[in-house]
């Protein structure tokens, strides 16, 4: 279980960093060289998500979505220095509950 959370956290960080590198190049006027680490980061994201133990890729990606949303709001706060408002926090909580239902809900055989 800890391995799953660690993989999700690593995947989220790698995905956000990779996407931010593209955003920085495209929207913030950074050099094209920002794309190189961004692409490496996105490859690491895909690799980490593929390592998550699950019998269904769709379920893995759906549960990961909640972790990604949490990581995005943390990125907003820590990297972009914009404090999340109550709606950001409420949305994260709702998504984490939904991710937990997907990940831990009882399954019929």
Foldseek 3Di string as FASTA:
>chain_A
DVLLVVLLLLLLVLQVQLVVLVCCVPPVVDDPVSNVSSVVSNVSSVVSLVPRDDPDSVLSVLLSVLVNLVVVQVCCCPVVVDHDDPVSVVVSVVSNVVSCCSVPPDDDD
